[in-house]
Amino acid sequence: MNVPQLFGLTAAVLVGLGLYGLIVNPQPLRKVLAFNLTGNGVFLACAVIARRGAAAGMSGDPVPQALLITAIVVSFAASALAVGLMLRTFAETGSNSLSTDGDVVSAQACADVEAR
């Protein structure tokens, strides 16, 4: 197995684990982390594809590298925005659940029930 195949396999595993985390985890923070894991897998796959065309002693094409760096920065900013919105939602509602049901129980209500 050569290096591009290993990186491609790693990218596929990262995307698979990220999608699994998006589907399975109900907590919003874990969903953001799983989305970041999926994005990292996509970035790794794009980096492998961009590098494959270069000759042995040559460096890769700078345009895909610049696009990947830009995508990583945008991904970081989107993650920071999502975490900020989750903190604001938690401050307003007292719950970190994404459920829209009427029976959403906040963390304070659970603590009150356990204290009795």
PDB file of N, CA and C in Angstrom:
ATOM      1  N   MET A   1       0.860  -1.170   0.000  1.00  0.00           N
ATOM      2  CA  MET A   1       0.000   0.000   0.000  1.00  0.00           C
ATOM      3  C   MET A   1       0.907   1.233   0.000  1.00  0.00           C
ATOM      4  N   ASN A   2       0.693   2.101  -0.961  1.00  0.00           N
ATOM      5  CA  ASN A   2       1.523   3.304  -1.032  1.00  0.00           C
ATOM      6  C   ASN A   2       0.885   4.448  -0.245  1.00  0.00           C
ATOM      7  N   VAL A   3       1.575   5.552  -0.173  1.00  0.00           N
ATOM      8  CA  VAL A   3       1.159   6.671   0.681  1.00  0.00           C
ATOM      9  C   VAL A   3      -0.175   7.281   0.245  1.00  0.00           C
ATOM     10  N   PRO A   4      -0.417   7.562  -1.040  1.00  0.00           N
ATOM     11  CA  PRO A   4      -1.725   8.121  -1.409  1.00  0.00           C
ATOM     12  C   PRO A   4      -2.889   7.193  -1.070  1.00  0.00           C
ATOM     13  N   GLN A   5      -2.686   5.888  -1.207  1.00  0.00           N
ATOM     14  CA  GLN A   5      -3.750   4.956  -0.838  1.00  0.00           C
ATOM     15  C   GLN A   5      -4.014   4.988   0.665  1.00  0.00           C
ATOM     16  N   LEU A   6      -2.961   5.092   1.452  1.00  0.00           N
ATOM     17  CA  LEU A   6      -3.116   5.159   2.903  1.00  0.00           C
ATOM     18  C   LEU A   6      -3.858   6.432   3.312  1.00  0.00           C
ATOM     19  N   PHE A   7      -3.487   7.556   2.706  1.00  0.00           N
ATOM     20  CA  PHE A   7      -4.187   8.806   3.008  1.00  0.00           C
ATOM     21  C   PHE A   7      -5.637   8.758   2.532  1.00  0.00           C
ATOM     22  N   GLY A   8      -5.877   8.145   1.386  1.00  0.00           N
ATOM     23  CA  GLY A   8      -7.251   8.003   0.894  1.00  0.00           C
ATOM     24  C   GLY A   8      -8.094   7.145   1.813  1.00  0.00           C
ATOM     25  N   LEU A   9      -7.516   6.059   2.308  1.00  0.00           N
ATOM     26  CA  LEU A   9      -8.226   5.199   3.248  1.00  0.00           C
ATOM     27  C   LEU A   9      -8.496   5.935   4.557  1.00  0.00           C
ATOM     28  N   THR A  10      -7.527   6.693   5.020  1.00  0.00           N
ATOM     29  CA  THR A  10      -7.716   7.486   6.239  1.00  0.00           C
ATOM     30  C   THR A  10      -8.815   8.523   6.050  1.00  0.00           C
ATOM     31  N   ALA A  11      -8.850   9.156   4.889  1.00  0.00           N
ATOM     32  CA  ALA A  11      -9.903  10.136   4.602  1.00  0.00           C
ATOM     33  C   ALA A  11     -11.271   9.470   4.604  1.00  0.00           C
ATOM     34  N   ALA A  12     -11.368   8.281   4.016  1.00  0.00           N
ATOM     35  CA  ALA A  12     -12.649   7.565   3.995  1.00  0.00           C
ATOM     36  C   ALA A  12     -13.094   7.184   5.405  1.00  0.00           C
ATOM     37  N   VAL A  13     -12.152   6.774   6.242  1.00  0.00           N
ATOM     38  CA  VAL A  13     -12.486   6.424   7.629  1.00  0.00           C
ATOM     39  C   VAL A  13     -12.961   7.662   8.386  1.00  0.00           C
ATOM     40  N   LEU A  14     -12.284   8.792   8.197  1.00  0.00           N
ATOM     41  CA  LEU A  14     -12.699  10.028   8.869  1.00  0.00           C
ATOM     42  C   LEU A  14     -14.100  10.451   8.441  1.00  0.00           C
ATOM     43  N   VAL A  15     -14.382  10.377   7.152  1.00  0.00           N
ATOM     44  CA  VAL A  15     -15.716  10.744   6.665  1.00  0.00           C
ATOM     45  C   VAL A  15     -16.761   9.782   7.222  1.00  0.00           C
ATOM     46  N   GLY A  16     -16.456   8.499   7.229  1.00  0.00           N
ATOM     47  CA  GLY A  16     -17.399   7.518   7.757  1.00  0.00           C
ATOM     48  C   GLY A  16     -17.686   7.710   9.234  1.00  0.00           C
ATOM     49  N   LEU A  17     -16.642   7.933  10.031  1.00  0.00           N
ATOM     50  CA  LEU A  17     -16.848   8.166  11.464  1.00  0.00           C
ATOM     51  C   LEU A  17     -17.619   9.458  11.719  1.00  0.00           C
ATOM     52  N   GLY A  18     -17.331  10.486  10.923  1.00  0.00           N
ATOM     53  CA  GLY A  18     -18.052  11.742  11.078  1.00  0.00           C
ATOM     54  C   GLY A  18     -19.526  11.606  10.745  1.00  0.00           C
ATOM     55  N   LEU A  19     -19.843  10.902   9.666  1.00  0.00           N
ATOM     56  CA  LEU A  19     -21.249  10.693   9.311  1.00  0.00           C
ATOM     57  C   LEU A  19     -21.961   9.837  10.352  1.00  0.00           C
ATOM     58  N   TYR A  20     -21.276   8.841  10.874  1.00  0.00           N
ATOM     59  CA  TYR A  20     -21.847   8.024  11.943  1.00  0.00           C
ATOM     60  C   TYR A  20     -22.157   8.886  13.169  1.00  0.00           C
ATOM     61  N   GLY A  21     -21.222   9.767  13.521  1.00  0.00           N
ATOM     62  CA  GLY A  21     -21.444  10.652  14.658  1.00  0.00           C
ATOM     63  C   GLY A  21     -22.585  11.626  14.426  1.00  0.00           C
ATOM     64  N   LEU A  22     -22.741  12.101  13.200  1.00  0.00           N
ATOM     65  CA  LEU A  22     -23.855  13.003  12.895  1.00  0.00           C
ATOM     66  C   LEU A  22     -25.196  12.301  13.045  1.00  0.00           C
ATOM     67  N   ILE A  23     -25.244  11.040  12.664  1.00  0.00           N
ATOM     68  CA  ILE A  23     -26.507  10.308  12.710  1.00  0.00           C
ATOM     69  C   ILE A  23     -26.841   9.855  14.124  1.00  0.00           C
ATOM     70  N   VAL A  24     -25.854   9.389  14.867  1.00  0.00           N
ATOM     71  CA  VAL A  24     -26.105   8.725  16.143  1.00  0.00           C
ATOM     72  C   VAL A  24     -26.210   9.690  17.322  1.00  0.00           C
ATOM     73  N   ASN A  25     -25.372  10.710  17.384  1.00  0.00           N
ATOM     74  CA  ASN A  25     -25.299  11.563  18.571  1.00  0.00           C
ATOM     75  C   ASN A  25     -26.417  12.597  18.596  1.00  0.00           C
ATOM     76  N   PRO A  26     -27.159  12.672  19.708  1.00  0.00           N
ATOM     77  CA  PRO A  26     -28.220  13.677  19.798  1.00  0.00           C
ATOM     78  C   PRO A  26     -27.738  15.036  20.325  1.00  0.00           C
ATOM     79  N   GLN A  27     -26.562  15.084  20.960  1.00  0.00           N
ATOM     80  CA  GLN A  27     -26.083  16.340  21.530  1.00  0.00           C
ATOM     81  C   GLN A  27     -25.530  17.244  20.430  1.00  0.00           C
ATOM     82  N   PRO A  28     -25.859  18.536  20.502  1.00  0.00           N
ATOM     83  CA  PRO A  28     -25.416  19.453  19.443  1.00  0.00           C
ATOM     84  C   PRO A  28     -23.900  19.610  19.356  1.00  0.00           C
ATOM     85  N   LEU A  29     -23.202  19.640  20.481  1.00  0.00           N
ATOM     86  CA  LEU A  29     -21.748  19.805  20.434  1.00  0.00           C
ATOM     87  C   LEU A  29     -21.080  18.603  19.769  1.00  0.00           C
ATOM     88  N   ARG A  30     -21.574  17.426  20.062  1.00  0.00           N
ATOM     89  CA  ARG A  30     -21.021  16.234  19.419  1.00  0.00           C
ATOM     90  C   ARG A  30     -21.335  16.215  17.928  1.00  0.00           C
ATOM     91  N   LYS A  31     -22.479  16.775  17.547  1.00  0.00           N
ATOM     92  CA  LYS A  31     -22.790  16.873  16.120  1.00  0.00           C
ATOM     93  C   LYS A  31     -21.826  17.829  15.422  1.00  0.00           C
ATOM     94  N   VAL A  32     -21.478  18.926  16.065  1.00  0.00           N
ATOM     95  CA  VAL A  32     -20.514  19.867  15.479  1.00  0.00           C
ATOM     96  C   VAL A  32     -19.147  19.197  15.346  1.00  0.00           C
ATOM     97  N   LEU A  33     -18.733  18.463  16.374  1.00  0.00           N
ATOM     98  CA  LEU A  33     -17.449  17.758  16.305  1.00  0.00           C
ATOM     99  C   LEU A  33     -17.457  16.685  15.217  1.00  0.00           C
ATOM    100  N   ALA A  34     -18.575  15.980  15.071  1.00  0.00           N
ATOM    101  CA  ALA A  34     -18.670  14.971  14.015  1.00  0.00           C
ATOM    102  C   ALA A  34     -18.645  15.624  12.636  1.00  0.00           C
ATOM    103  N   PHE A  35     -19.279  16.781  12.514  1.00  0.00           N
ATOM    104  CA  PHE A  35     -19.249  17.504  11.242  1.00  0.00           C
ATOM    105  C   PHE A  35     -17.823  17.956  10.917  1.00  0.00           C
ATOM    106  N   ASN A  36     -17.083  18.386  11.938  1.00  0.00           N
ATOM    107  CA  ASN A  36     -15.676  18.756  11.730  1.00  0.00           C
ATOM    108  C   ASN A  36     -14.839  17.546  11.318  1.00  0.00           C
ATOM    109  N   LEU A  37     -15.123  16.397  11.898  1.00  0.00           N
ATOM    110  CA  LEU A  37     -14.408  15.182  11.523  1.00  0.00           C
ATOM    111  C   LEU A  37     -14.675  14.825  10.063  1.00  0.00           C
ATOM    112  N   THR A  38     -15.917  14.957   9.637  1.00  0.00           N
ATOM    113  CA  THR A  38     -16.258  14.717   8.233  1.00  0.00           C
ATOM    114  C   THR A  38     -15.531  15.705   7.327  1.00  0.00           C
ATOM    115  N   GLY A  39     -15.512  16.961   7.720  1.00  0.00           N
ATOM    116  CA  GLY A  39     -14.817  17.970   6.926  1.00  0.00           C
ATOM    117  C   GLY A  39     -13.329  17.706   6.823  1.00  0.00           C
ATOM    118  N   ASN A  40     -12.723  17.256   7.917  1.00  0.00           N
ATOM    119  CA  ASN A  40     -11.293  16.935   7.880  1.00  0.00           C
ATOM    120  C   ASN A  40     -11.006  15.776   6.928  1.00  0.00           C
ATOM    121  N   GLY A  41     -11.909  14.809   6.888  1.00  0.00           N
ATOM    122  CA  GLY A  41     -11.746  13.714   5.937  1.00  0.00           C
ATOM    123  C   GLY A  41     -11.834  14.188   4.498  1.00  0.00           C
ATOM    124  N   VAL A  42     -12.764  15.096   4.232  1.00  0.00           N
ATOM    125  CA  VAL A  42     -12.898  15.654   2.883  1.00  0.00           C
ATOM    126  C   VAL A  42     -11.663  16.474   2.525  1.00  0.00           C
ATOM    127  N   PHE A  43     -11.166  17.258   3.464  1.00  0.00           N
ATOM    128  CA  PHE A  43      -9.960  18.057   3.204  1.00  0.00           C
ATOM    129  C   PHE A  43      -8.760  17.152   2.912  1.00  0.00           C
ATOM    130  N   LEU A  44      -8.634  16.062   3.663  1.00  0.00           N
ATOM    131  CA  LEU A  44      -7.530  15.136   3.431  1.00  0.00           C
ATOM    132  C   LEU A  44      -7.644  14.488   2.054  1.00  0.00           C
ATOM    133  N   ALA A  45      -8.859  14.109   1.670  1.00  0.00           N
ATOM    134  CA  ALA A  45      -9.054  13.517   0.344  1.00  0.00           C
ATOM    135  C   ALA A  45      -8.718  14.519  -0.754  1.00  0.00           C
ATOM    136  N   CYS A  46      -9.128  15.763  -0.583  1.00  0.00           N
ATOM    137  CA  CYS A  46      -8.809  16.793  -1.583  1.00  0.00           C
ATOM    138  C   CYS A  46      -7.305  17.042  -1.657  1.00  0.00           C
ATOM    139  N   ALA A  47      -6.626  17.008  -0.524  1.00  0.00           N
ATOM    140  CA  ALA A  47      -5.176  17.212  -0.528  1.00  0.00           C
ATOM    141  C   ALA A  47      -4.463  16.071  -1.246  1.00  0.00           C
ATOM    142  N   VAL A  48      -4.945  14.854  -1.064  1.00  0.00           N
ATOM    143  CA  VAL A  48      -4.342  13.709  -1.751  1.00  0.00           C
ATOM    144  C   VAL A  48      -4.574  13.816  -3.249  1.00  0.00           C
ATOM    145  N   ILE A  49      -5.774  14.198  -3.645  1.00  0.00           N
ATOM    146  CA  ILE A  49      -6.082  14.336  -5.071  1.00  0.00           C
ATOM    147  C   ILE A  49      -5.251  15.453  -5.685  1.00  0.00           C
ATOM    148  N   ALA A  50      -5.075  16.548  -4.973  1.00  0.00           N
ATOM    149  CA  ALA A  50      -4.300  17.675  -5.504  1.00  0.00           C
ATOM    150  C   ALA A  50      -2.821  17.327  -5.625  1.00  0.00           C
ATOM    151  N   ARG A  51      -2.308  16.474  -4.778  1.00  0.00           N
ATOM    152  CA  ARG A  51      -0.877  16.152  -4.780  1.00  0.00           C
ATOM    153  C   ARG A  51      -0.527  15.064  -5.786  1.00  0.00           C
ATOM    154  N   ARG A  52      -1.470  14.233  -6.164  1.00  0.00           N
ATOM    155  CA  ARG A  52      -1.172  13.074  -7.016  1.00  0.00           C
ATOM    156  C   ARG A  52      -0.625  13.456  -8.378  1.00  0.00           C
ATOM    157  N   GLY A  53      -0.984  14.611  -8.905  1.00  0.00           N
ATOM    158  CA  GLY A  53      -0.546  14.985 -10.234  1.00  0.00           C
ATOM    159  C   GLY A  53       0.875  15.499 -10.302  1.00  0.00           C
ATOM    160  N   ALA A  54       1.498  15.769  -9.167  1.00  0.00           N
ATOM    161  CA  ALA A  54       2.844  16.350  -9.164  1.00  0.00           C
ATOM    162  C   ALA A  54       3.891  15.276  -9.439  1.00  0.00           C
ATOM    163  N   ALA A  55       4.986  15.692 -10.054  1.00  0.00           N
ATOM    164  CA  ALA A  55       6.095  14.771 -10.306  1.00  0.00           C
ATOM    165  C   ALA A  55       6.818  14.470  -8.995  1.00  0.00           C
ATOM    166  N   ALA A  56       7.735  13.528  -9.038  1.00  0.00           N
ATOM    167  CA  ALA A  56       8.380  13.046  -7.817  1.00  0.00           C
ATOM    168  C   ALA A  56       9.149  14.134  -7.082  1.00  0.00           C
ATOM    169  N   GLY A  57       9.899  14.950  -7.789  1.00  0.00           N
ATOM    170  CA  GLY A  57      10.702  15.961  -7.122  1.00  0.00           C
ATOM    171  C   GLY A  57      10.034  17.317  -7.047  1.00  0.00           C
ATOM    172  N   MET A  58       8.869  17.451  -7.628  1.00  0.00           N
ATOM    173  CA  MET A  58       8.203  18.754  -7.708  1.00  0.00           C
ATOM    174  C   MET A  58       7.219  18.917  -6.555  1.00  0.00           C
ATOM    175  N   SER A  59       6.978  20.157  -6.210  1.00  0.00           N
ATOM    176  CA  SER A  59       5.952  20.421  -5.211  1.00  0.00           C
ATOM    177  C   SER A  59       4.593  20.413  -5.896  1.00  0.00           C
ATOM    178  N   GLY A  60       3.542  20.352  -5.098  1.00  0.00           N
ATOM    179  CA  GLY A  60       2.197  20.307  -5.649  1.00  0.00           C
ATOM    180  C   GLY A  60       1.760  21.651  -6.202  1.00  0.00           C
ATOM    181  N   ASP A  61       0.629  21.636  -6.881  1.00  0.00           N
ATOM    182  CA  ASP A  61       0.052  22.850  -7.441  1.00  0.00           C
ATOM    183  C   ASP A  61      -0.385  23.760  -6.289  1.00  0.00           C
ATOM    184  N   PRO A  62      -0.033  25.043  -6.289  1.00  0.00           N
ATOM    185  CA  PRO A  62      -0.364  25.913  -5.161  1.00  0.00           C
ATOM    186  C   PRO A  62      -1.844  26.297  -5.088  1.00  0.00           C
ATOM    187  N   VAL A  63      -2.573  26.218  -6.186  1.00  0.00           N
ATOM    188  CA  VAL A  63      -3.980  26.633  -6.158  1.00  0.00           C
ATOM    189  C   VAL A  63      -4.823  25.698  -5.284  1.00  0.00           C
ATOM    190  N   PRO A  64      -4.768  24.372  -5.453  1.00  0.00           N
ATOM    191  CA  PRO A  64      -5.534  23.519  -4.537  1.00  0.00           C
ATOM    192  C   PRO A  64      -5.090  23.654  -3.083  1.00  0.00           C
ATOM    193  N   GLN A  65      -3.799  23.880  -2.865  1.00  0.00           N
ATOM    194  CA  GLN A  65      -3.327  24.066  -1.496  1.00  0.00           C
ATOM    195  C   GLN A  65      -3.912  25.328  -0.882  1.00  0.00           C
ATOM    196  N   ALA A  66      -3.975  26.395  -1.655  1.00  0.00           N
ATOM    197  CA  ALA A  66      -4.563  27.641  -1.158  1.00  0.00           C
ATOM    198  C   ALA A  66      -6.056  27.468  -0.894  1.00  0.00           C
ATOM    199  N   LEU A  67      -6.734  26.733  -1.763  1.00  0.00           N
ATOM    200  CA  LEU A  67      -8.161  26.479  -1.548  1.00  0.00           C
ATOM    201  C   LEU A  67      -8.395  25.648  -0.292  1.00  0.00           C
ATOM    202  N   LEU A  68      -7.530  24.678  -0.039  1.00  0.00           N
ATOM    203  CA  LEU A  68      -7.677  23.859   1.161  1.00  0.00           C
ATOM    204  C   LEU A  68      -7.429  24.667   2.429  1.00  0.00           C
ATOM    205  N   ILE A  69      -6.430  25.514   2.406  1.00  0.00           N
ATOM    206  CA  ILE A  69      -6.170  26.356   3.578  1.00  0.00           C
ATOM    207  C   ILE A  69      -7.353  27.286   3.834  1.00  0.00           C
ATOM    208  N   THR A  70      -7.907  27.850   2.771  1.00  0.00           N
ATOM    209  CA  THR A  70      -9.082  28.709   2.912  1.00  0.00           C
ATOM    210  C   THR A  70     -10.265  27.920   3.459  1.00  0.00           C
ATOM    211  N   ALA A  71     -10.465  26.703   2.975  1.00  0.00           N
ATOM    212  CA  ALA A  71     -11.570  25.876   3.458  1.00  0.00           C
ATOM    213  C   ALA A  71     -11.402  25.523   4.931  1.00  0.00           C
ATOM    214  N   ILE A  72     -10.182  25.279   5.359  1.00  0.00           N
ATOM    215  CA  ILE A  72      -9.935  24.967   6.768  1.00  0.00           C
ATOM    216  C   ILE A  72     -10.254  26.171   7.650  1.00  0.00           C
ATOM    217  N   VAL A  73      -9.880  27.360   7.205  1.00  0.00           N
ATOM    218  CA  VAL A  73     -10.170  28.576   7.974  1.00  0.00           C
ATOM    219  C   VAL A  73     -11.674  28.819   8.038  1.00  0.00           C
ATOM    220  N   VAL A  74     -12.367  28.638   6.933  1.00  0.00           N
ATOM    221  CA  VAL A  74     -13.823  28.820   6.922  1.00  0.00           C
ATOM    222  C   VAL A  74     -14.494  27.783   7.814  1.00  0.00           C
ATOM    223  N   SER A  75     -14.008  26.557   7.796  1.00  0.00           N
ATOM    224  CA  SER A  75     -14.551  25.509   8.655  1.00  0.00           C
ATOM    225  C   SER A  75     -14.362  25.851  10.131  1.00  0.00           C
ATOM    226  N   PHE A  76     -13.197  26.374  10.476  1.00  0.00           N
ATOM    227  CA  PHE A  76     -12.951  26.782  11.860  1.00  0.00           C
ATOM    228  C   PHE A  76     -13.896  27.907  12.272  1.00  0.00           C
ATOM    229  N   ALA A  77     -14.098  28.884  11.399  1.00  0.00           N
ATOM    230  CA  ALA A  77     -14.997  29.994  11.714  1.00  0.00           C
ATOM    231  C   ALA A  77     -16.438  29.510  11.861  1.00  0.00           C
ATOM    232  N   ALA A  78     -16.862  28.597  11.006  1.00  0.00           N
ATOM    233  CA  ALA A  78     -18.222  28.061  11.107  1.00  0.00           C
ATOM    234  C   ALA A  78     -18.402  27.265  12.396  1.00  0.00           C
ATOM    235  N   SER A  79     -17.382  26.530  12.795  1.00  0.00           N
ATOM    236  CA  SER A  79     -17.453  25.779  14.050  1.00  0.00           C
ATOM    237  C   SER A  79     -17.530  26.720  15.246  1.00  0.00           C
ATOM    238  N   ALA A  80     -16.746  27.779  15.223  1.00  0.00           N
ATOM    239  CA  ALA A  80     -16.794  28.757  16.313  1.00  0.00           C
ATOM    240  C   ALA A  80     -18.164  29.423  16.382  1.00  0.00           C
ATOM    241  N   LEU A  81     -18.740  29.737  15.233  1.00  0.00           N
ATOM    242  CA  LEU A  81     -20.080  30.329  15.204  1.00  0.00           C
ATOM    243  C   LEU A  81     -21.117  29.352  15.752  1.00  0.00           C
ATOM    244  N   ALA A  82     -21.020  28.081  15.372  1.00  0.00           N
ATOM    245  CA  ALA A  82     -21.970  27.083  15.858  1.00  0.00           C
ATOM    246  C   ALA A  82     -21.868  26.907  17.370  1.00  0.00           C
ATOM    247  N   VAL A  83     -20.660  26.872  17.896  1.00  0.00           N
ATOM    248  CA  VAL A  83     -20.492  26.741  19.348  1.00  0.00           C
ATOM    249  C   VAL A  83     -21.021  27.986  20.056  1.00  0.00           C
ATOM    250  N   GLY A  84     -20.780  29.158  19.494  1.00  0.00           N
ATOM    251  CA  GLY A  84     -21.321  30.386  20.071  1.00  0.00           C
ATOM    252  C   GLY A  84     -22.842  30.398  20.082  1.00  0.00           C
ATOM    253  N   LEU A  85     -23.450  29.935  19.006  1.00  0.00           N
ATOM    254  CA  LEU A  85     -24.914  29.858  18.965  1.00  0.00           C
ATOM    255  C   LEU A  85     -25.449  28.832  19.960  1.00  0.00           C
ATOM    256  N   MET A  86     -24.728  27.729  20.139  1.00  0.00           N
ATOM    257  CA  MET A  86     -25.158  26.740  21.129  1.00  0.00           C
ATOM    258  C   MET A  86     -25.072  27.305  22.542  1.00  0.00           C
ATOM    259  N   LEU A  87     -24.018  28.052  22.832  1.00  0.00           N
ATOM    260  CA  LEU A  87     -23.903  28.676  24.155  1.00  0.00           C
ATOM    261  C   LEU A  87     -25.019  29.680  24.382  1.00  0.00           C
ATOM    262  N   ARG A  88     -25.342  30.447  23.357  1.00  0.00           N
ATOM    263  CA  ARG A  88     -26.427  31.430  23.474  1.00  0.00           C
ATOM    264  C   ARG A  88     -27.770  30.732  23.679  1.00  0.00           C
ATOM    265  N   THR A  89     -27.999  29.650  22.948  1.00  0.00           N
ATOM    266  CA  THR A  89     -29.240  28.893  23.104  1.00  0.00           C
ATOM    267  C   THR A  89     -29.332  28.292  24.500  1.00  0.00           C
ATOM    268  N   PHE A  90     -28.224  27.780  25.009  1.00  0.00           N
ATOM    269  CA  PHE A  90     -28.227  27.221  26.355  1.00  0.00           C
ATOM    270  C   PHE A  90     -28.490  28.302  27.396  1.00  0.00           C
ATOM    271  N   ALA A  91     -27.927  29.496  27.196  1.00  0.00           N
ATOM    272  CA  ALA A  91     -28.149  30.589  28.143  1.00  0.00           C
ATOM    273  C   ALA A  91     -29.610  31.039  28.130  1.00  0.00           C
ATOM    274  N   GLU A  92     -30.235  31.012  26.963  1.00  0.00           N
ATOM    275  CA  GLU A  92     -31.627  31.462  26.852  1.00  0.00           C
ATOM    276  C   GLU A  92     -32.618  30.413  27.348  1.00  0.00           C
ATOM    277  N   THR A  93     -32.398  29.148  26.987  1.00  0.00           N
ATOM    278  CA  THR A  93     -33.388  28.114  27.288  1.00  0.00           C
ATOM    279  C   THR A  93     -33.020  27.244  28.477  1.00  0.00           C
ATOM    280  N   GLY A  94     -31.742  27.151  28.810  1.00  0.00           N
ATOM    281  CA  GLY A  94     -31.320  26.276  29.890  1.00  0.00           C
ATOM    282  C   GLY A  94     -31.246  24.817  29.474  1.00  0.00           C
ATOM    283  N   SER A  95     -31.386  24.559  28.184  1.00  0.00           N
ATOM    284  CA  SER A  95     -31.340  23.195  27.675  1.00  0.00           C
ATOM    285  C   SER A  95     -30.379  23.131  26.499  1.00  0.00           C
ATOM    286  N   ASN A  96     -29.681  22.023  26.390  1.00  0.00           N
ATOM    287  CA  ASN A  96     -28.782  21.858  25.255  1.00  0.00           C
ATOM    288  C   ASN A  96     -29.323  20.847  24.257  1.00  0.00           C
ATOM    289  N   SER A  97     -30.601  20.568  24.320  1.00  0.00           N
ATOM    290  CA  SER A  97     -31.222  19.586  23.450  1.00  0.00           C
ATOM    291  C   SER A  97     -31.677  20.228  22.148  1.00  0.00           C
ATOM    292  N   LEU A  98     -31.648  19.455  21.074  1.00  0.00           N
ATOM    293  CA  LEU A  98     -32.165  19.919  19.793  1.00  0.00           C
ATOM    294  C   LEU A  98     -33.616  19.522  19.600  1.00  0.00           C
ATOM    295  N   SER A  99     -34.192  18.869  20.587  1.00  0.00           N
ATOM    296  CA  SER A  99     -35.558  18.387  20.480  1.00  0.00           C
ATOM    297  C   SER A  99     -36.531  19.556  20.463  1.00  0.00           C
ATOM    298  N   THR A 100     -37.572  19.436  19.647  1.00  0.00           N
ATOM    299  CA  THR A 100     -38.607  20.471  19.590  1.00  0.00           C
ATOM    300  C   THR A 100     -39.872  20.021  20.299  1.00  0.00           C
ATOM    301  N   ASP A 101     -39.806  18.908  21.007  1.00  0.00           N
ATOM    302  CA  ASP A 101     -40.965  18.422  21.739  1.00  0.00           C
ATOM    303  C   ASP A 101     -41.295  19.366  22.882  1.00  0.00           C
ATOM    304  N   GLY A 102     -42.525  19.299  23.341  1.00  0.00           N
ATOM    305  CA  GLY A 102     -42.934  20.136  24.449  1.00  0.00           C
ATOM    306  C   GLY A 102     -42.395  19.654  25.778  1.00  0.00           C
ATOM    307  N   ASP A 103     -41.915  18.426  25.847  1.00  0.00           N
ATOM    308  CA  ASP A 103     -41.453  17.864  27.108  1.00  0.00           C
ATOM    309  C   ASP A 103     -39.928  17.899  27.235  1.00  0.00           C
ATOM    310  N   VAL A 104     -39.318  18.954  26.759  1.00  0.00           N
ATOM    311  CA  VAL A 104     -37.871  19.107  26.897  1.00  0.00           C
ATOM    312  C   VAL A 104     -37.558  19.406  28.354  1.00  0.00           C
ATOM    313  N   VAL A 105     -36.658  18.648  28.916  1.00  0.00           N
ATOM    314  CA  VAL A 105     -36.296  18.806  30.317  1.00  0.00           C
ATOM    315  C   VAL A 105     -34.918  19.442  30.386  1.00  0.00           C
ATOM    316  N   SER A 106     -34.813  20.532  31.128  1.00  0.00           N
ATOM    317  CA  SER A 106     -33.522  21.213  31.241  1.00  0.00           C
ATOM    318  C   SER A 106     -32.650  20.520  32.283  1.00  0.00           C
ATOM    319  N   ALA A 107     -31.396  20.872  32.292  1.00  0.00           N
ATOM    320  CA  ALA A 107     -30.451  20.295  33.244  1.00  0.00           C
ATOM    321  C   ALA A 107     -30.815  20.697  34.672  1.00  0.00           C
ATOM    322  N   GLN A 108     -31.297  21.918  34.871  1.00  0.00           N
ATOM    323  CA  GLN A 108     -31.681  22.373  36.204  1.00  0.00           C
ATOM    324  C   GLN A 108     -32.884  21.585  36.713  1.00  0.00           C
ATOM    325  N   ALA A 109     -33.841  21.279  35.844  1.00  0.00           N
ATOM    326  CA  ALA A 109     -35.004  20.503  36.254  1.00  0.00           C
ATOM    327  C   ALA A 109     -34.595  19.087  36.650  1.00  0.00           C
ATOM    328  N   CYS A 110     -33.655  18.500  35.942  1.00  0.00           N
ATOM    329  CA  CYS A 110     -33.163  17.167  36.300  1.00  0.00           C
ATOM    330  C   CYS A 110     -32.460  17.203  37.648  1.00  0.00           C
ATOM    331  N   ALA A 111     -31.686  18.248  37.901  1.00  0.00           N
ATOM    332  CA  ALA A 111     -30.985  18.370  39.176  1.00  0.00           C
ATOM    333  C   ALA A 111     -31.977  18.558  40.319  1.00  0.00           C
ATOM    334  N   ASP A 112     -33.066  19.302  40.078  1.00  0.00           N
ATOM    335  CA  ASP A 112     -34.082  19.496  41.112  1.00  0.00           C
ATOM    336  C   ASP A 112     -34.782  18.188  41.453  1.00  0.00           C
ATOM    337  N   VAL A 113     -35.060  17.369  40.446  1.00  0.00           N
ATOM    338  CA  VAL A 113     -35.725  16.090  40.682  1.00  0.00           C
ATOM    339  C   VAL A 113     -34.802  15.149  41.450  1.00  0.00           C
ATOM    340  N   GLU A 114     -33.523  15.137  41.108  1.00  0.00           N
ATOM    341  CA  GLU A 114     -32.579  14.261  41.797  1.00  0.00           C
ATOM    342  C   GLU A 114     -32.340  14.714  43.234  1.00  0.00           C
ATOM    343  N   ALA A 115     -32.468  16.007  43.510  1.00  0.00           N
ATOM    344  CA  ALA A 115     -32.226  16.525  44.854  1.00  0.00           C
ATOM    345  C   ALA A 115     -33.344  16.145  45.816  1.00  0.00           C
ATOM    346  N   ARG A 116     -34.516  15.854  45.299  1.00  0.00           N
ATOM    347  CA  ARG A 116     -35.650  15.511  46.171  1.00  0.00           C
ATOM    348  C   ARG A 116     -35.506  14.158  46.668  1.00  0.00           C
TER     349      ARG A 116
END
